[in-house]
Structure formats: C-alpha cells, structure tokens
Amino acid sequence: MSVAKILELVGSSDKGWEDAAQVAIAEATKSIHGIRGLEVTDMTARVDSKTGKIQEYRVCVKLSFGVKRRYPLDAIHNGCALIVH
C-alpha cells in the first residue's frame, strides 16, 4: 500500500508553458524527494497591453510524491498517531 501527497504550485517563465511547468518542478525538487507525477490544472499568461505579446507564461500544477510512514497504519486513529511509551 502506498500513500501520495499532492502539492499545488505555480511556475512562471518567459519562454513557454512547458518551461513554466519545469520551473515549478525544479523548485519543488529542492525540498521534496520522490516526485512521481504532475497534473497541469491551469495555464495563463500575462500579456503586454501595448504590443499584445505574451510576456510571462504561468502554469498551475499539482505534483504528487510519496509519503514515508513514521508509524504503522494501525497506530493512526482519526488522523492522530497513537504513541505508546
């Protein structure tokens, strides 16, 4: 049995949406290990009002990664770990 945690992030880039997603992943890997998947939930852009050209691409992503258990599952009740001394 495995458990995954989901984290929502926004990445931005002046190159494109794919690069914006890579920026989000790169930032997340600085503190999160074992990222397993990515879901793009929204793509937006900031447009220059004078030129009509895209200045910044933004991607909202959900990253999934594994959770390491500290306690056996049977020691958890209502979201709280039961610690026996």
PDB file of N, CA and C in Angstrom:
ATOM      1  N   MET A   1       0.845  -1.161   0.000  1.00  0.00           N
ATOM      2  CA  MET A   1       0.000   0.000   0.000  1.00  0.00           C
ATOM      3  C   MET A   1       0.900   1.236   0.000  1.00  0.00           C
ATOM      4  N   SER A   2       0.543   2.235  -0.780  1.00  0.00           N
ATOM      5  CA  SER A   2       1.320   3.466  -0.785  1.00  0.00           C
ATOM      6  C   SER A   2       0.385   4.662  -0.624  1.00  0.00           C
ATOM      7  N   VAL A   3       0.954   5.741  -0.152  1.00  0.00           N
ATOM      8  CA  VAL A   3       0.214   6.978   0.067  1.00  0.00           C
ATOM      9  C   VAL A   3       0.962   8.089  -0.653  1.00  0.00           C
ATOM     10  N   ALA A   4       0.222   8.964  -1.323  1.00  0.00           N
ATOM     11  CA  ALA A   4       0.840  10.085  -2.035  1.00  0.00           C
ATOM     12  C   ALA A   4       0.293  11.393  -1.482  1.00  0.00           C
ATOM     13  N   LYS A   5       1.125  12.380  -1.460  1.00  0.00           N
ATOM     14  CA  LYS A   5       0.751  13.732  -1.063  1.00  0.00           C
ATOM     15  C   LYS A   5       0.669  14.563  -2.333  1.00  0.00           C
ATOM     16  N   ILE A   6      -0.275  15.513  -2.388  1.00  0.00           N
ATOM     17  CA  ILE A   6      -0.439  16.390  -3.541  1.00  0.00           C
ATOM     18  C   ILE A   6      -0.098  17.814  -3.113  1.00  0.00           C
ATOM     19  N   LEU A   7       0.719  18.468  -3.914  1.00  0.00           N
ATOM     20  CA  LEU A   7       1.126  19.845  -3.653  1.00  0.00           C
ATOM     21  C   LEU A   7       0.809  20.679  -4.877  1.00  0.00           C
ATOM     22  N   GLU A   8       0.178  21.821  -4.686  1.00  0.00           N
ATOM     23  CA  GLU A   8      -0.176  22.695  -5.809  1.00  0.00           C
ATOM     24  C   GLU A   8       0.796  23.869  -5.858  1.00  0.00           C
ATOM     25  N   LEU A   9       1.359  24.102  -7.033  1.00  0.00           N
ATOM     26  CA  LEU A   9       2.347  25.165  -7.245  1.00  0.00           C
ATOM     27  C   LEU A   9       2.040  25.920  -8.531  1.00  0.00           C
ATOM     28  N   VAL A  10       2.580  27.135  -8.632  1.00  0.00           N
ATOM     29  CA  VAL A  10       2.501  27.911  -9.869  1.00  0.00           C
ATOM     30  C   VAL A  10       3.923  28.206 -10.313  1.00  0.00           C
ATOM     31  N   GLY A  11       4.238  27.828 -11.545  1.00  0.00           N
ATOM     32  CA  GLY A  11       5.533  28.139 -12.138  1.00  0.00           C
ATOM     33  C   GLY A  11       5.344  29.173 -13.229  1.00  0.00           C
ATOM     34  N   SER A  12       6.352  30.008 -13.443  1.00  0.00           N
ATOM     35  CA  SER A  12       6.257  31.021 -14.497  1.00  0.00           C
ATOM     36  C   SER A  12       7.542  31.060 -15.312  1.00  0.00           C
ATOM     37  N   SER A  13       7.406  31.491 -16.562  1.00  0.00           N
ATOM     38  CA  SER A  13       8.541  31.538 -17.483  1.00  0.00           C
ATOM     39  C   SER A  13       8.238  32.535 -18.598  1.00  0.00           C
ATOM     40  N   ASP A  14       9.276  33.101 -19.148  1.00  0.00           N
ATOM     41  CA  ASP A  14       9.088  33.963 -20.321  1.00  0.00           C
ATOM     42  C   ASP A  14       9.256  33.169 -21.624  1.00  0.00           C
ATOM     43  N   LYS A  15       9.533  31.843 -21.499  1.00  0.00           N
ATOM     44  CA  LYS A  15       9.772  31.005 -22.677  1.00  0.00           C
ATOM     45  C   LYS A  15       8.526  30.255 -23.162  1.00  0.00           C
ATOM     46  N   GLY A  16       7.715  29.759 -22.213  1.00  0.00           N
ATOM     47  CA  GLY A  16       6.535  28.991 -22.623  1.00  0.00           C
ATOM     48  C   GLY A  16       5.941  28.232 -21.451  1.00  0.00           C
ATOM     49  N   TRP A  17       4.769  27.583 -21.700  1.00  0.00           N
ATOM     50  CA  TRP A  17       4.087  26.856 -20.637  1.00  0.00           C
ATOM     51  C   TRP A  17       4.867  25.631 -20.189  1.00  0.00           C
ATOM     52  N   GLU A  18       5.479  24.911 -21.108  1.00  0.00           N
ATOM     53  CA  GLU A  18       6.266  23.744 -20.723  1.00  0.00           C
ATOM     54  C   GLU A  18       7.418  24.145 -19.814  1.00  0.00           C
ATOM     55  N   ASP A  19       8.093  25.238 -20.145  1.00  0.00           N
ATOM     56  CA  ASP A  19       9.186  25.719 -19.312  1.00  0.00           C
ATOM     57  C   ASP A  19       8.670  26.170 -17.942  1.00  0.00           C
ATOM     58  N   ALA A  20       7.495  26.769 -17.904  1.00  0.00           N
ATOM     59  CA  ALA A  20       6.903  27.186 -16.631  1.00  0.00           C
ATOM     60  C   ALA A  20       6.651  25.975 -15.733  1.00  0.00           C
ATOM     61  N   ALA A  21       6.198  24.863 -16.325  1.00  0.00           N
ATOM     62  CA  ALA A  21       5.997  23.630 -15.552  1.00  0.00           C
ATOM     63  C   ALA A  21       7.328  23.094 -15.049  1.00  0.00           C
ATOM     64  N   GLN A  22       8.358  23.148 -15.873  1.00  0.00           N
ATOM     65  CA  GLN A  22       9.698  22.704 -15.464  1.00  0.00           C
ATOM     66  C   GLN A  22      10.229  23.556 -14.316  1.00  0.00           C
ATOM     67  N   VAL A  23       9.943  24.852 -14.348  1.00  0.00           N
ATOM     68  CA  VAL A  23      10.362  25.750 -13.265  1.00  0.00           C
ATOM     69  C   VAL A  23       9.713  25.313 -11.946  1.00  0.00           C
ATOM     70  N   ALA A  24       8.423  24.992 -11.984  1.00  0.00           N
ATOM     71  CA  ALA A  24       7.722  24.538 -10.777  1.00  0.00           C
ATOM     72  C   ALA A  24       8.327  23.244 -10.244  1.00  0.00           C
ATOM     73  N   ILE A  25       8.606  22.292 -11.141  1.00  0.00           N
ATOM     74  CA  ILE A  25       9.209  21.021 -10.719  1.00  0.00           C
ATOM     75  C   ILE A  25      10.603  21.244 -10.147  1.00  0.00           C
ATOM     76  N   ALA A  26      11.401  22.062 -10.817  1.00  0.00           N
ATOM     77  CA  ALA A  26      12.771  22.325 -10.354  1.00  0.00           C
ATOM     78  C   ALA A  26      12.775  22.945  -8.965  1.00  0.00           C
ATOM     79  N   GLU A  27      11.871  23.854  -8.721  1.00  0.00           N
ATOM     80  CA  GLU A  27      11.797  24.492  -7.404  1.00  0.00           C
ATOM     81  C   GLU A  27      11.348  23.484  -6.346  1.00  0.00           C
ATOM     82  N   ALA A  28      10.380  22.639  -6.690  1.00  0.00           N
ATOM     83  CA  ALA A  28       9.872  21.651  -5.745  1.00  0.00           C
ATOM     84  C   ALA A  28      10.932  20.619  -5.375  1.00  0.00           C
ATOM     85  N   THR A  29      11.757  20.205  -6.339  1.00  0.00           N
ATOM     86  CA  THR A  29      12.765  19.175  -6.061  1.00  0.00           C
ATOM     87  C   THR A  29      13.864  19.662  -5.121  1.00  0.00           C
ATOM     88  N   LYS A  30      13.917  20.943  -4.844  1.00  0.00           N
ATOM     89  CA  LYS A  30      14.893  21.461  -3.877  1.00  0.00           C
ATOM     90  C   LYS A  30      14.559  21.003  -2.460  1.00  0.00           C
ATOM     91  N   SER A  31      13.283  20.735  -2.184  1.00  0.00           N
ATOM     92  CA  SER A  31      12.904  20.324  -0.833  1.00  0.00           C
ATOM     93  C   SER A  31      12.044  19.063  -0.786  1.00  0.00           C
ATOM     94  N   ILE A  32      11.579  18.574  -1.929  1.00  0.00           N
ATOM     95  CA  ILE A  32      10.725  17.391  -1.974  1.00  0.00           C
ATOM     96  C   ILE A  32      11.413  16.314  -2.798  1.00  0.00           C
ATOM     97  N   HIS A  33      11.423  15.104  -2.255  1.00  0.00           N
ATOM     98  CA  HIS A  33      12.051  13.985  -2.958  1.00  0.00           C
ATOM     99  C   HIS A  33      10.981  13.004  -3.416  1.00  0.00           C
ATOM    100  N   GLY A  34      11.235  12.328  -4.502  1.00  0.00           N
ATOM    101  CA  GLY A  34      10.336  11.285  -4.971  1.00  0.00           C
ATOM    102  C   GLY A  34       9.092  11.789  -5.678  1.00  0.00           C
ATOM    103  N   ILE A  35       9.201  12.898  -6.404  1.00  0.00           N
ATOM    104  CA  ILE A  35       8.046  13.397  -7.158  1.00  0.00           C
ATOM    105  C   ILE A  35       7.699  12.355  -8.218  1.00  0.00           C
ATOM    106  N   ARG A  36       6.434  11.920  -8.245  1.00  0.00           N
ATOM    107  CA  ARG A  36       6.004  10.840  -9.134  1.00  0.00           C
ATOM    108  C   ARG A  36       5.203  11.313 -10.330  1.00  0.00           C
ATOM    109  N   GLY A  37       4.510  12.424 -10.189  1.00  0.00           N
ATOM    110  CA  GLY A  37       3.640  12.847 -11.284  1.00  0.00           C
ATOM    111  C   GLY A  37       3.316  14.318 -11.221  1.00  0.00           C
ATOM    112  N   LEU A  38       2.722  14.782 -12.308  1.00  0.00           N
ATOM    113  CA  LEU A  38       2.379  16.188 -12.458  1.00  0.00           C
ATOM    114  C   LEU A  38       1.069  16.287 -13.213  1.00  0.00           C
ATOM    115  N   GLU A  39       0.179  17.131 -12.729  1.00  0.00           N
ATOM    116  CA  GLU A  39      -1.064  17.426 -13.437  1.00  0.00           C
ATOM    117  C   GLU A  39      -1.132  18.934 -13.644  1.00  0.00           C
ATOM    118  N   VAL A  40      -1.253  19.348 -14.889  1.00  0.00           N
ATOM    119  CA  VAL A  40      -1.426  20.772 -15.184  1.00  0.00           C
ATOM    120  C   VAL A  40      -2.908  21.093 -14.999  1.00  0.00           C
ATOM    121  N   THR A  41      -3.203  22.012 -14.067  1.00  0.00           N
ATOM    122  CA  THR A  41      -4.599  22.339 -13.777  1.00  0.00           C
ATOM    123  C   THR A  41      -5.034  23.664 -14.389  1.00  0.00           C
ATOM    124  N   ASP A  42      -4.069  24.518 -14.730  1.00  0.00           N
ATOM    125  CA  ASP A  42      -4.421  25.809 -15.327  1.00  0.00           C
ATOM    126  C   ASP A  42      -3.210  26.382 -16.049  1.00  0.00           C
ATOM    127  N   MET A  43      -3.469  27.052 -17.148  1.00  0.00           N
ATOM    128  CA  MET A  43      -2.421  27.728 -17.909  1.00  0.00           C
ATOM    129  C   MET A  43      -2.906  29.145 -18.201  1.00  0.00           C
ATOM    130  N   THR A  44      -2.117  30.131 -17.773  1.00  0.00           N
ATOM    131  CA  THR A  44      -2.461  31.528 -18.013  1.00  0.00           C
ATOM    132  C   THR A  44      -1.223  32.254 -18.518  1.00  0.00           C
ATOM    133  N   ALA A  45      -1.422  33.501 -18.920  1.00  0.00           N
ATOM    134  CA  ALA A  45      -0.291  34.297 -19.395  1.00  0.00           C
ATOM    135  C   ALA A  45      -0.544  35.767 -19.102  1.00  0.00           C
ATOM    136  N   ARG A  46       0.544  36.487 -18.925  1.00  0.00           N
ATOM    137  CA  ARG A  46       0.480  37.943 -18.777  1.00  0.00           C
ATOM    138  C   ARG A  46       0.841  38.530 -20.136  1.00  0.00           C
ATOM    139  N   VAL A  47      -0.012  39.426 -20.637  1.00  0.00           N
ATOM    140  CA  VAL A  47       0.139  39.986 -21.977  1.00  0.00           C
ATOM    141  C   VAL A  47       0.503  41.475 -21.871  1.00  0.00           C
ATOM    142  N   ASP A  48       1.433  41.892 -22.702  1.00  0.00           N
ATOM    143  CA  ASP A  48       1.792  43.309 -22.788  1.00  0.00           C
ATOM    144  C   ASP A  48       0.646  44.051 -23.484  1.00  0.00           C
ATOM    145  N   SER A  49       0.063  45.023 -22.810  1.00  0.00           N
ATOM    146  CA  SER A  49      -1.109  45.720 -23.358  1.00  0.00           C
ATOM    147  C   SER A  49      -0.762  46.578 -24.573  1.00  0.00           C
ATOM    148  N   LYS A  50       0.488  46.965 -24.726  1.00  0.00           N
ATOM    149  CA  LYS A  50       0.883  47.802 -25.864  1.00  0.00           C
ATOM    150  C   LYS A  50       1.182  46.983 -27.112  1.00  0.00           C
ATOM    151  N   THR A  51       1.863  45.850 -26.919  1.00  0.00           N
ATOM    152  CA  THR A  51       2.265  45.042 -28.079  1.00  0.00           C
ATOM    153  C   THR A  51       1.330  43.858 -28.336  1.00  0.00           C
ATOM    154  N   GLY A  52       0.573  43.462 -27.322  1.00  0.00           N
ATOM    155  CA  GLY A  52      -0.296  42.293 -27.462  1.00  0.00           C
ATOM    156  C   GLY A  52       0.456  40.978 -27.412  1.00  0.00           C
ATOM    157  N   LYS A  53       1.731  41.008 -27.020  1.00  0.00           N
ATOM    158  CA  LYS A  53       2.548  39.800 -26.959  1.00  0.00           C
ATOM    159  C   LYS A  53       2.616  39.272 -25.534  1.00  0.00           C
ATOM    160  N   ILE A  54       2.742  37.953 -25.451  1.00  0.00           N
ATOM    161  CA  ILE A  54       2.851  37.321 -24.144  1.00  0.00           C
ATOM    162  C   ILE A  54       4.193  37.669 -23.516  1.00  0.00           C
ATOM    163  N   GLN A  55       4.131  38.143 -22.254  1.00  0.00           N
ATOM    164  CA  GLN A  55       5.349  38.472 -21.521  1.00  0.00           C
ATOM    165  C   GLN A  55       5.757  37.366 -20.556  1.00  0.00           C
ATOM    166  N   GLU A  56       4.745  36.695 -19.988  1.00  0.00           N
ATOM    167  CA  GLU A  56       5.030  35.666 -18.998  1.00  0.00           C
ATOM    168  C   GLU A  56       3.974  34.565 -19.082  1.00  0.00           C
ATOM    169  N   TYR A  57       4.442  33.325 -19.131  1.00  0.00           N
ATOM    170  CA  TYR A  57       3.577  32.155 -19.142  1.00  0.00           C
ATOM    171  C   TYR A  57       3.492  31.624 -17.707  1.00  0.00           C
ATOM    172  N   ARG A  58       2.296  31.240 -17.271  1.00  0.00           N
ATOM    173  CA  ARG A  58       2.107  30.709 -15.920  1.00  0.00           C
ATOM    174  C   ARG A  58       1.350  29.388 -15.994  1.00  0.00           C
ATOM    175  N   VAL A  59       1.813  28.425 -15.215  1.00  0.00           N
ATOM    176  CA  VAL A  59       1.190  27.112 -15.174  1.00  0.00           C
ATOM    177  C   VAL A  59       0.939  26.741 -13.721  1.00  0.00           C
ATOM    178  N   CYS A  60      -0.302  26.377 -13.419  1.00  0.00           N
ATOM    179  CA  CYS A  60      -0.648  25.849 -12.100  1.00  0.00           C
ATOM    180  C   CYS A  60      -0.576  24.332 -12.211  1.00  0.00           C
ATOM    181  N   VAL A  61       0.216  23.712 -11.343  1.00  0.00           N
ATOM    182  CA  VAL A  61       0.409  22.270 -11.403  1.00  0.00           C
ATOM    183  C   VAL A  61       0.142  21.632 -10.042  1.00  0.00           C
ATOM    184  N   LYS A  62      -0.272  20.374 -10.089  1.00  0.00           N
ATOM    185  CA  LYS A  62      -0.368  19.550  -8.888  1.00  0.00           C
ATOM    186  C   LYS A  62       0.701  18.482  -9.011  1.00  0.00           C
ATOM    187  N   LEU A  63       1.605  18.442  -8.048  1.00  0.00           N
ATOM    188  CA  LEU A  63       2.667  17.450  -8.019  1.00  0.00           C
ATOM    189  C   LEU A  63       2.314  16.376  -7.001  1.00  0.00           C
ATOM    190  N   SER A  64       2.573  15.121  -7.335  1.00  0.00           N
ATOM    191  CA  SER A  64       2.362  14.046  -6.371  1.00  0.00           C
ATOM    192  C   SER A  64       3.706  13.427  -6.011  1.00  0.00           C
ATOM    193  N   PHE A  65       3.818  13.094  -4.742  1.00  0.00           N
ATOM    194  CA  PHE A  65       5.050  12.467  -4.270  1.00  0.00           C
ATOM    195  C   PHE A  65       4.707  11.526  -3.125  1.00  0.00           C
ATOM    196  N   GLY A  66       5.569  10.536  -2.932  1.00  0.00           N
ATOM    197  CA  GLY A  66       5.329   9.530  -1.904  1.00  0.00           C
ATOM    198  C   GLY A  66       5.521  10.089  -0.505  1.00  0.00           C
ATOM    199  N   VAL A  67       4.778   9.514   0.427  1.00  0.00           N
ATOM    200  CA  VAL A  67       4.876   9.890   1.833  1.00  0.00           C
ATOM    201  C   VAL A  67       5.517   8.730   2.580  1.00  0.00           C
ATOM    202  N   LYS A  68       6.566   9.029   3.333  1.00  0.00           N
ATOM    203  CA  LYS A  68       7.207   7.997   4.148  1.00  0.00           C
ATOM    204  C   LYS A  68       6.475   7.917   5.481  1.00  0.00           C
ATOM    205  N   ARG A  69       6.116   6.705   5.864  1.00  0.00           N
ATOM    206  CA  ARG A  69       5.405   6.496   7.124  1.00  0.00           C
ATOM    207  C   ARG A  69       6.378   6.468   8.292  1.00  0.00           C
ATOM    208  N   ARG A  70       5.989   7.125   9.369  1.00  0.00           N
ATOM    209  CA  ARG A  70       6.763   7.061  10.603  1.00  0.00           C
ATOM    210  C   ARG A  70       6.156   6.051  11.574  1.00  0.00           C
ATOM    211  N   TYR A  71       4.863   5.804  11.409  1.00  0.00           N
ATOM    212  CA  TYR A  71       4.147   4.910  12.303  1.00  0.00           C
ATOM    213  C   TYR A  71       3.406   3.889  11.456  1.00  0.00           C
ATOM    214  N   PRO A  72       3.200   2.682  11.992  1.00  0.00           N
ATOM    215  CA  PRO A  72       2.372   1.726  11.250  1.00  0.00           C
ATOM    216  C   PRO A  72       0.957   2.265  11.107  1.00  0.00           C
ATOM    217  N   LEU A  73       0.286   1.927  10.019  1.00  0.00           N
ATOM    218  CA  LEU A  73      -1.058   2.432   9.768  1.00  0.00           C
ATOM    219  C   LEU A  73      -2.028   2.090  10.890  1.00  0.00           C
ATOM    220  N   ASP A  74      -1.843   0.949  11.557  1.00  0.00           N
ATOM    221  CA  ASP A  74      -2.778   0.595  12.623  1.00  0.00           C
ATOM    222  C   ASP A  74      -2.564   1.425  13.888  1.00  0.00           C
ATOM    223  N   ALA A  75      -1.510   2.234  13.928  1.00  0.00           N
ATOM    224  CA  ALA A  75      -1.266   3.103  15.080  1.00  0.00           C
ATOM    225  C   ALA A  75      -1.843   4.491  14.877  1.00  0.00           C
ATOM    226  N   ILE A  76      -2.564   4.696  13.782  1.00  0.00           N
ATOM    227  CA  ILE A  76      -3.133   6.011  13.492  1.00  0.00           C
ATOM    228  C   ILE A  76      -4.650   5.938  13.652  1.00  0.00           C
ATOM    229  N   HIS A  77      -5.191   6.851  14.424  1.00  0.00           N
ATOM    230  CA  HIS A  77      -6.625   6.881  14.691  1.00  0.00           C
ATOM    231  C   HIS A  77      -7.112   8.320  14.521  1.00  0.00           C
ATOM    232  N   ASN A  78      -8.084   8.533  13.654  1.00  0.00           N
ATOM    233  CA  ASN A  78      -8.640   9.869  13.408  1.00  0.00           C
ATOM    234  C   ASN A  78      -7.557  10.898  13.062  1.00  0.00           C
ATOM    235  N   GLY A  79      -6.566  10.479  12.282  1.00  0.00           N
ATOM    236  CA  GLY A  79      -5.535  11.405  11.822  1.00  0.00           C
ATOM    237  C   GLY A  79      -4.444  11.659  12.847  1.00  0.00           C
ATOM    238  N   CYS A  80      -4.510  11.018  14.021  1.00  0.00           N
ATOM    239  CA  CYS A  80      -3.505  11.245  15.075  1.00  0.00           C
ATOM    240  C   CYS A  80      -2.747   9.946  15.324  1.00  0.00           C
ATOM    241  N   ALA A  81      -1.458  10.071  15.442  1.00  0.00           N
ATOM    242  CA  ALA A  81      -0.647   8.900  15.746  1.00  0.00           C
ATOM    243  C   ALA A  81      -0.788   8.562  17.226  1.00  0.00           C
ATOM    244  N   LEU A  82      -0.977   7.281  17.526  1.00  0.00           N
ATOM    245  CA  LEU A  82      -1.039   6.820  18.905  1.00  0.00           C
ATOM    246  C   LEU A  82       0.364   6.399  19.310  1.00  0.00           C
ATOM    247  N   ILE A  83       0.928   7.083  20.269  1.00  0.00           N
ATOM    248  CA  ILE A  83       2.297   6.795  20.704  1.00  0.00           C
ATOM    249  C   ILE A  83       2.241   6.099  22.058  1.00  0.00           C
ATOM    250  N   VAL A  84       2.834   4.947  22.139  1.00  0.00           N
ATOM    251  CA  VAL A  84       2.854   4.173  23.372  1.00  0.00           C
ATOM    252  C   VAL A  84       4.259   4.184  23.906  1.00  0.00           C
ATOM    253  N   HIS A  85       4.393   4.541  25.177  1.00  0.00           N
ATOM    254  CA  HIS A  85       5.727   4.574  25.812  1.00  0.00           C
ATOM    255  C   HIS A  85       5.941   3.333  26.625  1.00  0.00           C
TER     256      HIS A  85
END
